[in-house]
């Protein structure tokens, strides 16, 4: 059955494996990564990266046309958000 929609929890379940499998190896290889997206896909990633609690997910604000820059250490752990 094809779902008629997708909630933020479902998007998180889809985004996190992509992050871990595709992006983290590039970060560990000291690559700069540009990720673009829309709405819930970016909220899901921010929720994961910033460890936002499930009950606070609705407070995640993604500004339009403004980059969010993250810095990571050599093990792809978040250092800071700018």
PDB file of N, CA and C in Angstrom:
ATOM      1  N   UNK A   1       0.838  -1.191   0.000  1.00  0.00           N
ATOM      2  CA  UNK A   1       0.000   0.000   0.000  1.00  0.00           C
ATOM      3  C   UNK A   1       0.880   1.249   0.000  1.00  0.00           C
ATOM      4  N   UNK A   2       0.564   2.165  -0.853  1.00  0.00           N
ATOM      5  CA  UNK A   2       1.303   3.419  -0.945  1.00  0.00           C
ATOM      6  C   UNK A   2       0.704   4.402   0.062  1.00  0.00           C
ATOM      7  N   UNK A   3       1.563   4.972   0.939  1.00  0.00           N
ATOM      8  CA  UNK A   3       1.033   5.949   1.900  1.00  0.00           C
ATOM      9  C   UNK A   3       0.527   7.203   1.197  1.00  0.00           C
ATOM     10  N   UNK A   4      -0.478   7.828   1.798  1.00  0.00           N
ATOM     11  CA  UNK A   4      -1.045   9.059   1.231  1.00  0.00           C
ATOM     12  C   UNK A   4      -0.299  10.300   1.688  1.00  0.00           C
ATOM     13  N   UNK A   5       0.621  10.110   2.589  1.00  0.00           N
ATOM     14  CA  UNK A   5       1.396  11.230   3.102  1.00  0.00           C
ATOM     15  C   UNK A   5       2.541  10.711   3.942  1.00  0.00           C
ATOM     16  N   UNK A   6       3.283  11.619   4.506  1.00  0.00           N
ATOM     17  CA  UNK A   6       4.449  11.255   5.288  1.00  0.00           C
ATOM     18  C   UNK A   6       4.593  12.255   6.426  1.00  0.00           C
ATOM     19  N   UNK A   7       4.661  11.747   7.667  1.00  0.00           N
ATOM     20  CA  UNK A   7       4.858  12.653   8.795  1.00  0.00           C
ATOM     21  C   UNK A   7       6.354  12.819   9.048  1.00  0.00           C
ATOM     22  N   UNK A   8       6.693  13.717   9.955  1.00  0.00           N
ATOM     23  CA  UNK A   8       8.101  14.020  10.203  1.00  0.00           C
ATOM     24  C   UNK A   8       8.851  12.808  10.726  1.00  0.00           C
ATOM     25  N   UNK A   9       8.209  11.987  11.539  1.00  0.00           N
ATOM     26  CA  UNK A   9       8.857  10.774  12.038  1.00  0.00           C
ATOM     27  C   UNK A   9       9.237   9.824  10.911  1.00  0.00           C
ATOM     28  N   UNK A  10       8.380   9.714   9.914  1.00  0.00           N
ATOM     29  CA  UNK A  10       8.668   8.861   8.759  1.00  0.00           C
ATOM     30  C   UNK A  10       9.842   9.430   7.953  1.00  0.00           C
ATOM     31  N   UNK A  11       9.896  10.741   7.862  1.00  0.00           N
ATOM     32  CA  UNK A  11      10.995  11.377   7.123  1.00  0.00           C
ATOM     33  C   UNK A  11      12.312  11.161   7.865  1.00  0.00           C
ATOM     34  N   UNK A  12      12.293  11.288   9.189  1.00  0.00           N
ATOM     35  CA  UNK A  12      13.499  11.029   9.981  1.00  0.00           C
ATOM     36  C   UNK A  12      13.999   9.612   9.712  1.00  0.00           C
ATOM     37  N   UNK A  13      13.095   8.642   9.692  1.00  0.00           N
ATOM     38  CA  UNK A  13      13.464   7.245   9.451  1.00  0.00           C
ATOM     39  C   UNK A  13      14.083   7.054   8.069  1.00  0.00           C
ATOM     40  N   UNK A  14      13.767   7.914   7.149  1.00  0.00           N
ATOM     41  CA  UNK A  14      14.309   7.836   5.794  1.00  0.00           C
ATOM     42  C   UNK A  14      15.611   8.628   5.653  1.00  0.00           C
ATOM     43  N   UNK A  15      15.710   9.775   6.345  1.00  0.00           N
ATOM     44  CA  UNK A  15      16.857  10.671   6.204  1.00  0.00           C
ATOM     45  C   UNK A  15      18.086  10.164   6.962  1.00  0.00           C
ATOM     46  N   UNK A  16      17.890   9.641   8.158  1.00  0.00           N
ATOM     47  CA  UNK A  16      19.021   9.234   8.999  1.00  0.00           C
ATOM     48  C   UNK A  16      19.886   8.161   8.326  1.00  0.00           C
ATOM     49  N   UNK A  17      19.312   7.099   7.758  1.00  0.00           N
ATOM     50  CA  UNK A  17      20.179   6.131   7.070  1.00  0.00           C
ATOM     51  C   UNK A  17      20.955   6.744   5.895  1.00  0.00           C
ATOM     52  N   UNK A  18      20.325   7.654   5.171  1.00  0.00           N
ATOM     53  CA  UNK A  18      21.045   8.345   4.094  1.00  0.00           C
ATOM     54  C   UNK A  18      22.222   9.111   4.669  1.00  0.00           C
ATOM     55  N   UNK A  19      21.994   9.854   5.740  1.00  0.00           N
ATOM     56  CA  UNK A  19      23.054  10.618   6.395  1.00  0.00           C
ATOM     57  C   UNK A  19      24.202   9.690   6.800  1.00  0.00           C
ATOM     58  N   UNK A  20      23.867   8.626   7.495  1.00  0.00           N
ATOM     59  CA  UNK A  20      24.888   7.722   8.013  1.00  0.00           C
ATOM     60  C   UNK A  20      25.635   6.984   6.911  1.00  0.00           C
ATOM     61  N   UNK A  21      24.920   6.550   5.893  1.00  0.00           N
ATOM     62  CA  UNK A  21      25.534   5.725   4.848  1.00  0.00           C
ATOM     63  C   UNK A  21      26.236   6.527   3.754  1.00  0.00           C
ATOM     64  N   UNK A  22      25.695   7.683   3.416  1.00  0.00           N
ATOM     65  CA  UNK A  22      26.218   8.452   2.276  1.00  0.00           C
ATOM     66  C   UNK A  22      27.035   9.677   2.675  1.00  0.00           C
ATOM     67  N   UNK A  23      26.597  10.387   3.699  1.00  0.00           N
ATOM     68  CA  UNK A  23      27.231  11.667   4.033  1.00  0.00           C
ATOM     69  C   UNK A  23      28.376  11.498   5.027  1.00  0.00           C
ATOM     70  N   UNK A  24      28.159  10.731   6.086  1.00  0.00           N
ATOM     71  CA  UNK A  24      29.199  10.577   7.116  1.00  0.00           C
ATOM     72  C   UNK A  24      30.529  10.089   6.528  1.00  0.00           C
ATOM     73  N   UNK A  25      30.543   9.097   5.631  1.00  0.00           N
ATOM     74  CA  UNK A  25      31.841   8.698   5.061  1.00  0.00           C
ATOM     75  C   UNK A  25      32.551   9.847   4.332  1.00  0.00           C
ATOM     76  N   UNK A  26      31.809  10.709   3.688  1.00  0.00           N
ATOM     77  CA  UNK A  26      32.414  11.863   3.016  1.00  0.00           C
ATOM     78  C   UNK A  26      32.975  12.856   4.025  1.00  0.00           C
ATOM     79  N   UNK A  27      32.246  13.074   5.117  1.00  0.00           N
ATOM     80  CA  UNK A  27      32.744  13.971   6.169  1.00  0.00           C
ATOM     81  C   UNK A  27      34.021  13.425   6.793  1.00  0.00           C
ATOM     82  N   UNK A  28      34.046  12.125   7.022  1.00  0.00           N
ATOM     83  CA  UNK A  28      35.242  11.506   7.600  1.00  0.00           C
ATOM     84  C   UNK A  28      36.423  11.560   6.637  1.00  0.00           C
ATOM     85  N   UNK A  29      36.125  11.736   5.364  1.00  0.00           N
ATOM     86  CA  UNK A  29      37.164  11.894   4.344  1.00  0.00           C
ATOM     87  C   UNK A  29      37.488  13.374   4.123  1.00  0.00           C
ATOM     88  N   UNK A  30      37.005  14.223   5.049  1.00  0.00           N
ATOM     89  CA  UNK A  30      37.286  15.665   5.054  1.00  0.00           C
ATOM     90  C   UNK A  30      36.726  16.396   3.837  1.00  0.00           C
ATOM     91  N   UNK A  31      35.598  15.938   3.338  1.00  0.00           N
ATOM     92  CA  UNK A  31      34.934  16.596   2.214  1.00  0.00           C
ATOM     93  C   UNK A  31      33.959  17.653   2.735  1.00  0.00           C
ATOM     94  N   UNK A  32      33.792  18.709   1.977  1.00  0.00           N
ATOM     95  CA  UNK A  32      32.742  19.680   2.246  1.00  0.00           C
ATOM     96  C   UNK A  32      31.487  19.206   1.528  1.00  0.00           C
ATOM     97  N   UNK A  33      30.359  19.251   2.211  1.00  0.00           N
ATOM     98  CA  UNK A  33      29.115  18.713   1.683  1.00  0.00           C
ATOM     99  C   UNK A  33      28.070  19.825   1.636  1.00  0.00           C
ATOM    100  N   UNK A  34      27.341  19.894   0.542  1.00  0.00           N
ATOM    101  CA  UNK A  34      26.204  20.792   0.420  1.00  0.00           C
ATOM    102  C   UNK A  34      24.951  19.934   0.328  1.00  0.00           C
ATOM    103  N   UNK A  35      24.040  20.163   1.250  1.00  0.00           N
ATOM    104  CA  UNK A  35      22.765  19.446   1.233  1.00  0.00           C
ATOM    105  C   UNK A  35      21.664  20.469   1.048  1.00  0.00           C
ATOM    106  N   UNK A  36      20.841  20.243   0.057  1.00  0.00           N
ATOM    107  CA  UNK A  36      19.678  21.093  -0.155  1.00  0.00           C
ATOM    108  C   UNK A  36      18.438  20.229  -0.020  1.00  0.00           C
ATOM    109  N   UNK A  37      17.365  20.844   0.333  1.00  0.00           N
ATOM    110  CA  UNK A  37      16.134  20.077   0.498  1.00  0.00           C
ATOM    111  C   UNK A  37      14.963  21.002   0.709  1.00  0.00           C
ATOM    112  N   UNK A  38      13.895  20.418   1.184  1.00  0.00           N
ATOM    113  CA  UNK A  38      12.661  21.145   1.357  1.00  0.00           C
ATOM    114  C   UNK A  38      12.012  20.720   2.670  1.00  0.00           C
ATOM    115  N   UNK A  39      11.513  21.678   3.395  1.00  0.00           N
ATOM    116  CA  UNK A  39      10.657  21.443   4.551  1.00  0.00           C
ATOM    117  C   UNK A  39      11.050  20.313   5.479  1.00  0.00           C
ATOM    118  N   UNK A  40      10.244  19.252   5.465  1.00  0.00           N
ATOM    119  CA  UNK A  40      10.418  18.178   6.432  1.00  0.00           C
ATOM    120  C   UNK A  40      11.723  17.411   6.259  1.00  0.00           C
ATOM    121  N   UNK A  41      12.243  17.313   5.071  1.00  0.00           N
ATOM    122  CA  UNK A  41      13.514  16.595   4.917  1.00  0.00           C
ATOM    123  C   UNK A  41      14.632  17.336   5.651  1.00  0.00           C
ATOM    124  N   UNK A  42      14.648  18.653   5.568  1.00  0.00           N
ATOM    125  CA  UNK A  42      15.655  19.424   6.289  1.00  0.00           C
ATOM    126  C   UNK A  42      15.376  19.434   7.787  1.00  0.00           C
ATOM    127  N   UNK A  43      14.106  19.527   8.191  1.00  0.00           N
ATOM    128  CA  UNK A  43      13.767  19.455   9.618  1.00  0.00           C
ATOM    129  C   UNK A  43      14.206  18.112  10.211  1.00  0.00           C
ATOM    130  N   UNK A  44      13.997  17.052   9.458  1.00  0.00           N
ATOM    131  CA  UNK A  44      14.394  15.724   9.931  1.00  0.00           C
ATOM    132  C   UNK A  44      15.902  15.654  10.144  1.00  0.00           C
ATOM    133  N   UNK A  45      16.653  16.220   9.222  1.00  0.00           N
ATOM    134  CA  UNK A  45      18.099  16.208   9.355  1.00  0.00           C
ATOM    135  C   UNK A  45      18.548  17.059  10.539  1.00  0.00           C
ATOM    136  N   UNK A  46      17.965  18.237  10.699  1.00  0.00           N
ATOM    137  CA  UNK A  46      18.294  19.098  11.839  1.00  0.00           C
ATOM    138  C   UNK A  46      17.934  18.397  13.147  1.00  0.00           C
ATOM    139  N   UNK A  47      16.788  17.746  13.196  1.00  0.00           N
ATOM    140  CA  UNK A  47      16.373  17.006  14.395  1.00  0.00           C
ATOM    141  C   UNK A  47      17.432  15.987  14.776  1.00  0.00           C
ATOM    142  N   UNK A  48      17.930  15.254  13.787  1.00  0.00           N
ATOM    143  CA  UNK A  48      18.939  14.230  14.046  1.00  0.00           C
ATOM    144  C   UNK A  48      20.274  14.859  14.446  1.00  0.00           C
ATOM    145  N   UNK A  49      20.750  15.827  13.669  1.00  0.00           N
ATOM    146  CA  UNK A  49      22.063  16.417  13.922  1.00  0.00           C
ATOM    147  C   UNK A  49      22.132  17.144  15.262  1.00  0.00           C
ATOM    148  N   UNK A  50      21.052  17.829  15.619  1.00  0.00           N
ATOM    149  CA  UNK A  50      21.053  18.635  16.837  1.00  0.00           C
ATOM    150  C   UNK A  50      20.399  17.915  18.012  1.00  0.00           C
ATOM    151  N   UNK A  51      20.038  16.654  17.802  1.00  0.00           N
ATOM    152  CA  UNK A  51      19.444  15.839  18.863  1.00  0.00           C
ATOM    153  C   UNK A  51      18.225  16.513  19.488  1.00  0.00           C
ATOM    154  N   UNK A  52      17.357  17.030  18.638  1.00  0.00           N
ATOM    155  CA  UNK A  52      16.135  17.695  19.094  1.00  0.00           C
ATOM    156  C   UNK A  52      15.162  16.616  19.584  1.00  0.00           C
ATOM    157  N   UNK A  53      14.627  16.759  20.792  1.00  0.00           N
ATOM    158  CA  UNK A  53      13.679  15.759  21.303  1.00  0.00           C
ATOM    159  C   UNK A  53      12.430  15.672  20.432  1.00  0.00           C
ATOM    160  N   UNK A  54      11.840  14.496  20.413  1.00  0.00           N
ATOM    161  CA  UNK A  54      10.663  14.249  19.579  1.00  0.00           C
ATOM    162  C   UNK A  54       9.540  15.245  19.874  1.00  0.00           C
ATOM    163  N   UNK A  55       9.368  15.610  21.151  1.00  0.00           N
ATOM    164  CA  UNK A  55       8.285  16.525  21.512  1.00  0.00           C
ATOM    165  C   UNK A  55       8.594  17.987  21.186  1.00  0.00           C
ATOM    166  N   UNK A  56       9.804  18.245  20.683  1.00  0.00           N
ATOM    167  CA  UNK A  56      10.173  19.620  20.316  1.00  0.00           C
ATOM    168  C   UNK A  56      10.414  19.765  18.815  1.00  0.00           C
ATOM    169  N   UNK A  57      10.078  18.732  18.052  1.00  0.00           N
ATOM    170  CA  UNK A  57      10.337  18.770  16.615  1.00  0.00           C
ATOM    171  C   UNK A  57       9.591  19.897  15.922  1.00  0.00           C
ATOM    172  N   UNK A  58       8.444  20.290  16.453  1.00  0.00           N
ATOM    173  CA  UNK A  58       7.675  21.364  15.810  1.00  0.00           C
ATOM    174  C   UNK A  58       8.306  22.738  16.025  1.00  0.00           C
ATOM    175  N   UNK A  59       9.355  22.814  16.834  1.00  0.00           N
ATOM    176  CA  UNK A  59      10.033  24.090  17.067  1.00  0.00           C
ATOM    177  C   UNK A  59      11.199  24.315  16.106  1.00  0.00           C
ATOM    178  N   UNK A  60      11.514  23.309  15.295  1.00  0.00           N
ATOM    179  CA  UNK A  60      12.629  23.444  14.359  1.00  0.00           C
ATOM    180  C   UNK A  60      12.232  24.404  13.242  1.00  0.00           C
ATOM    181  N   UNK A  61      13.003  25.476  13.122  1.00  0.00           N
ATOM    182  CA  UNK A  61      12.726  26.483  12.108  1.00  0.00           C
ATOM    183  C   UNK A  61      13.813  26.433  11.041  1.00  0.00           C
ATOM    184  N   UNK A  62      13.410  26.259   9.823  1.00  0.00           N
ATOM    185  CA  UNK A  62      14.336  26.261   8.695  1.00  0.00           C
ATOM    186  C   UNK A  62      14.073  27.535   7.894  1.00  0.00           C
ATOM    187  N   UNK A  63      14.975  28.507   7.972  1.00  0.00           N
ATOM    188  CA  UNK A  63      14.754  29.761   7.240  1.00  0.00           C
ATOM    189  C   UNK A  63      14.874  29.559   5.732  1.00  0.00           C
ATOM    190  N   UNK A  64      14.088  30.294   4.990  1.00  0.00           N
ATOM    191  CA  UNK A  64      14.148  30.234   3.529  1.00  0.00           C
ATOM    192  C   UNK A  64      15.393  30.946   3.020  1.00  0.00           C
ATOM    193  N   UNK A  65      16.060  30.321   2.082  1.00  0.00           N
ATOM    194  CA  UNK A  65      17.181  30.921   1.343  1.00  0.00           C
ATOM    195  C   UNK A  65      18.318  31.396   2.243  1.00  0.00           C
ATOM    196  N   UNK A  66      18.480  30.759   3.421  1.00  0.00           N
ATOM    197  CA  UNK A  66      19.587  31.089   4.310  1.00  0.00           C
ATOM    198  C   UNK A  66      20.308  29.795   4.664  1.00  0.00           C
ATOM    199  N   UNK A  67      21.578  29.713   4.354  1.00  0.00           N
ATOM    200  CA  UNK A  67      22.295  28.466   4.657  1.00  0.00           C
ATOM    201  C   UNK A  67      22.457  28.256   6.151  1.00  0.00           C
ATOM    202  N   UNK A  68      22.449  27.013   6.533  1.00  0.00           N
ATOM    203  CA  UNK A  68      22.812  26.598   7.890  1.00  0.00           C
ATOM    204  C   UNK A  68      24.134  25.866   7.721  1.00  0.00           C
ATOM    205  N   UNK A  69      25.148  26.315   8.419  1.00  0.00           N
ATOM    206  CA  UNK A  69      26.477  25.727   8.270  1.00  0.00           C
ATOM    207  C   UNK A  69      26.814  24.956   9.540  1.00  0.00           C
ATOM    208  N   UNK A  70      27.154  23.696   9.352  1.00  0.00           N
ATOM    209  CA  UNK A  70      27.564  22.841  10.457  1.00  0.00           C
ATOM    210  C   UNK A  70      29.046  22.526  10.319  1.00  0.00           C
ATOM    211  N   UNK A  71      29.718  22.429  11.449  1.00  0.00           N
ATOM    212  CA  UNK A  71      31.101  21.965  11.473  1.00  0.00           C
ATOM    213  C   UNK A  71      31.127  20.664  12.248  1.00  0.00           C
ATOM    214  N   UNK A  72      31.933  19.711  11.749  1.00  0.00           N
ATOM    215  CA  UNK A  72      32.038  18.393  12.349  1.00  0.00           C
ATOM    216  C   UNK A  72      33.497  18.084  12.641  1.00  0.00           C
ATOM    217  N   UNK A  73      33.718  17.220  13.640  1.00  0.00           N
ATOM    218  CA  UNK A  73      35.080  16.776  13.909  1.00  0.00           C
ATOM    219  C   UNK A  73      35.434  15.634  12.958  1.00  0.00           C
ATOM    220  N   UNK A  74      36.592  15.043  13.140  1.00  0.00           N
ATOM    221  CA  UNK A  74      37.083  14.002  12.228  1.00  0.00           C
ATOM    222  C   UNK A  74      36.254  12.721  12.286  1.00  0.00           C
ATOM    223  N   UNK A  75      35.405  12.584  13.307  1.00  0.00           N
ATOM    224  CA  UNK A  75      34.533  11.409  13.425  1.00  0.00           C
ATOM    225  C   UNK A  75      33.082  11.745  13.059  1.00  0.00           C
ATOM    226  N   UNK A  76      32.893  12.902  12.441  1.00  0.00           N
ATOM    227  CA  UNK A  76      31.575  13.378  11.995  1.00  0.00           C
ATOM    228  C   UNK A  76      30.639  13.712  13.144  1.00  0.00           C
ATOM    229  N   UNK A  77      31.214  14.067  14.300  1.00  0.00           N
ATOM    230  CA  UNK A  77      30.403  14.555  15.419  1.00  0.00           C
ATOM    231  C   UNK A  77      30.240  16.068  15.262  1.00  0.00           C
ATOM    232  N   UNK A  78      29.042  16.545  15.526  1.00  0.00           N
ATOM    233  CA  UNK A  78      28.752  17.969  15.377  1.00  0.00           C
ATOM    234  C   UNK A  78      29.559  18.797  16.371  1.00  0.00           C
ATOM    235  N   UNK A  79      30.243  19.791  15.845  1.00  0.00           N
ATOM    236  CA  UNK A  79      31.007  20.727  16.679  1.00  0.00           C
ATOM    237  C   UNK A  79      30.201  21.988  16.903  1.00  0.00           C
ATOM    238  N   UNK A  80      29.720  22.580  15.798  1.00  0.00           N
ATOM    239  CA  UNK A  80      28.932  23.811  15.947  1.00  0.00           C
ATOM    240  C   UNK A  80      28.047  24.047  14.735  1.00  0.00           C
ATOM    241  N   UNK A  81      27.051  24.893  14.964  1.00  0.00           N
ATOM    242  CA  UNK A  81      26.153  25.353  13.914  1.00  0.00           C
ATOM    243  C   UNK A  81      26.340  26.848  13.762  1.00  0.00           C
ATOM    244  N   UNK A  82      26.463  27.299  12.531  1.00  0.00           N
ATOM    245  CA  UNK A  82      26.624  28.742  12.303  1.00  0.00           C
ATOM    246  C   UNK A  82      25.503  29.227  11.410  1.00  0.00           C
TER     247      UNK A  82
END
